[in-house]
Protein backbone atom coordinates (compact mmCIF):
# COMPACT_ATOMS: atom_id res chain seq x y z
CA ASN A 1 -8.86 12.63 -12.33
CA THR A 2 -10.66 9.44 -13.27
CA SER A 3 -13.27 7.69 -11.22
CA GLU A 4 -12.45 4.55 -9.23
CA CYS A 5 -13.73 2.18 -11.92
CA GLU A 6 -11.76 3.91 -14.71
CA LYS A 7 -8.23 3.49 -13.32
CA TYR A 8 -5.84 2.36 -16.03
CA ALA A 9 -2.68 1.79 -13.94
CA CYS A 10 -1.79 0.54 -10.49
CA CYS A 11 -0.36 2.86 -7.89
CA PRO A 12 3.45 2.95 -7.90
CA LEU A 13 4.37 0.65 -5.03
CA PRO A 14 7.88 0.28 -3.60
CA PRO A 15 10.01 -2.36 -5.37
CA TYR A 16 9.65 -4.92 -2.59
CA LEU A 17 5.83 -4.85 -3.00
CA GLU A 18 5.58 -4.72 -6.80
CA ASP A 19 5.30 -8.46 -7.47
CA SER A 20 3.40 -9.29 -4.30
CA GLY A 21 0.00 -8.55 -5.84
CA CYS A 22 -0.74 -6.42 -2.82
CA VAL A 23 -2.64 -3.16 -3.24
CA ILE A 24 -2.09 -0.63 -0.49
CA GLU A 25 -4.36 2.35 -0.55
CA GLU A 26 -3.53 3.83 2.85
CA ASP A 27 -0.57 3.52 5.15
CA ASP A 28 -0.95 2.90 8.87
CA ASN A 29 0.93 6.14 9.62
CA GLY A 30 -1.52 8.99 9.32
CA GLY A 31 -3.43 7.62 6.32
CA ARG A 32 -0.72 8.52 3.80
CA PRO A 33 -0.43 6.07 0.92
CA LEU A 34 2.80 4.11 0.61
CA ARG A 35 4.49 4.90 -2.73
CA ASP A 36 7.77 4.19 -4.49
CA VAL A 37 10.66 6.63 -3.94
CA CYS A 38 10.80 7.36 -7.70
CA PHE A 39 7.17 8.48 -7.56
CA HIS A 40 8.01 10.86 -4.72
CA LEU A 41 10.99 12.23 -6.66
CA LEU A 42 8.76 12.94 -9.65
CA LYS A 43 6.25 14.67 -7.38
CA LEU A 44 9.07 16.76 -5.89
CA TYR A 45 10.23 17.67 -9.39
CA SER A 46 6.75 18.86 -10.34
CA ASP A 47 6.09 20.59 -6.99
CA ARG A 48 9.20 21.94 -5.29
CA SER A 49 7.32 22.21 -1.97
CA TYR A 50 6.28 18.52 -1.94
CA GLU A 51 6.54 17.00 1.54
CA LEU A 52 9.99 15.46 2.05
CA ASP A 53 8.92 13.21 4.94
CA GLN A 54 7.14 10.87 2.53
CA LEU A 55 10.09 10.83 0.14
CA LEU A 56 12.61 10.03 2.87
CA ASP A 57 10.53 7.31 4.52
CA PRO A 58 12.65 4.12 4.40
CA ARG A 59 9.55 2.06 3.54
CA SER A 60 9.39 3.77 0.14
CA VAL A 61 12.59 1.85 -0.72
CA THR A 62 12.91 -1.21 1.51
CA SER A 63 10.72 -3.45 3.63
CA ASP A 64 12.91 -2.71 6.67
CA PRO A 65 11.52 0.46 8.30
CA LEU A 66 14.79 0.88 10.24
CA ASP A 67 17.09 0.92 7.19
CA PHE A 68 17.96 4.59 6.71
CA ARG A 69 20.88 4.17 4.30
CA LEU A 70 19.27 5.43 1.11
CA SER A 71 17.05 7.93 2.92
CA TRP A 72 20.01 9.67 4.54
CA HIS A 73 22.08 9.79 1.34
CA LEU A 74 19.09 10.98 -0.67
CA TRP A 75 18.49 13.75 1.87
CA GLU A 76 22.11 14.88 1.56
CA VAL A 77 21.75 15.04 -2.24
CA LEU A 78 18.51 17.01 -1.92
CA ARG A 79 20.14 19.42 0.53
CA ALA A 80 22.94 19.99 -1.98
CA LEU A 81 20.23 20.85 -4.53
CA ASN A 82 18.81 23.49 -2.11
CA TYR A 83 15.79 21.54 -0.91
CA SER A 84 15.60 22.62 2.69
CA HIS A 85 11.97 22.26 3.75
CA LEU A 86 12.45 19.20 5.96
CA ALA A 87 11.54 19.90 9.58
CA GLN A 88 14.54 20.10 11.90
CA GLN A 89 13.07 17.31 14.03
CA SER A 90 12.74 15.00 11.01
CA TRP A 91 16.28 15.87 9.98
CA GLY A 92 17.53 14.99 13.47
CA VAL A 93 15.63 11.70 13.49
CA LEU A 94 17.09 10.81 10.09
CA ASN A 95 20.64 11.57 11.24
CA SER A 96 20.39 9.79 14.58
CA SER A 97 18.63 6.75 13.11
CA TYR A 98 21.24 6.28 10.41
CA ALA A 99 24.07 6.85 12.90
CA ALA A 100 22.56 4.22 15.22
CA GLN A 101 22.27 1.81 12.30
CA LEU A 102 25.93 2.34 11.42
CA GLU A 103 27.03 1.98 15.03
CA SER A 104 25.14 -1.28 15.41
CA GLU A 105 27.10 -2.61 12.42
CA GLY A 106 30.39 -1.65 14.10
CA LEU A 107 30.94 1.35 11.82
CA TRP A 108 31.16 3.91 14.60
CA GLU A 109 33.56 6.16 12.62
CA TRP A 110 30.89 6.59 9.96
CA ALA A 111 28.26 7.11 12.65
CA VAL A 112 30.32 10.04 13.93
CA PHE A 113 30.54 11.40 10.37
CA VAL A 114 26.75 11.23 10.04
CA MET A 115 26.24 12.96 13.38
CA LEU A 116 28.47 15.81 12.21
CA HIS A 117 25.60 16.68 9.87
CA GLU A 118 23.25 17.25 12.81
CA PRO A 119 21.51 20.64 12.47
CA ASP A 120 21.10 21.20 16.23
CA THR A 121 24.49 21.75 17.85
CA GLN A 122 23.02 21.28 21.34
């Protein structure tokens, strides 16, 4: 709750941006700021209804926006901890994106395993 000129710490950027000297106030996607995944986890801990889309965004971990490895595994851990307020569409996108990533690496057996977690049976 300090004014702009009284900030005492930088915003928590993802690890790949920490040493770049770059300050990102707003993201190109909807004006949401890009933050580190640990920051999002702390926010989720303090507010159980915190938006999971920001937390599971691959850019909060890696510079590759198509790398869904950690996002998918983190979502599975959160689901096991009874966090279920991710939209079904976002859940489907996460599953299919990670499955496509695995398939492109020749790991089609694991892609099938990921798709078995699909919420929509149709």
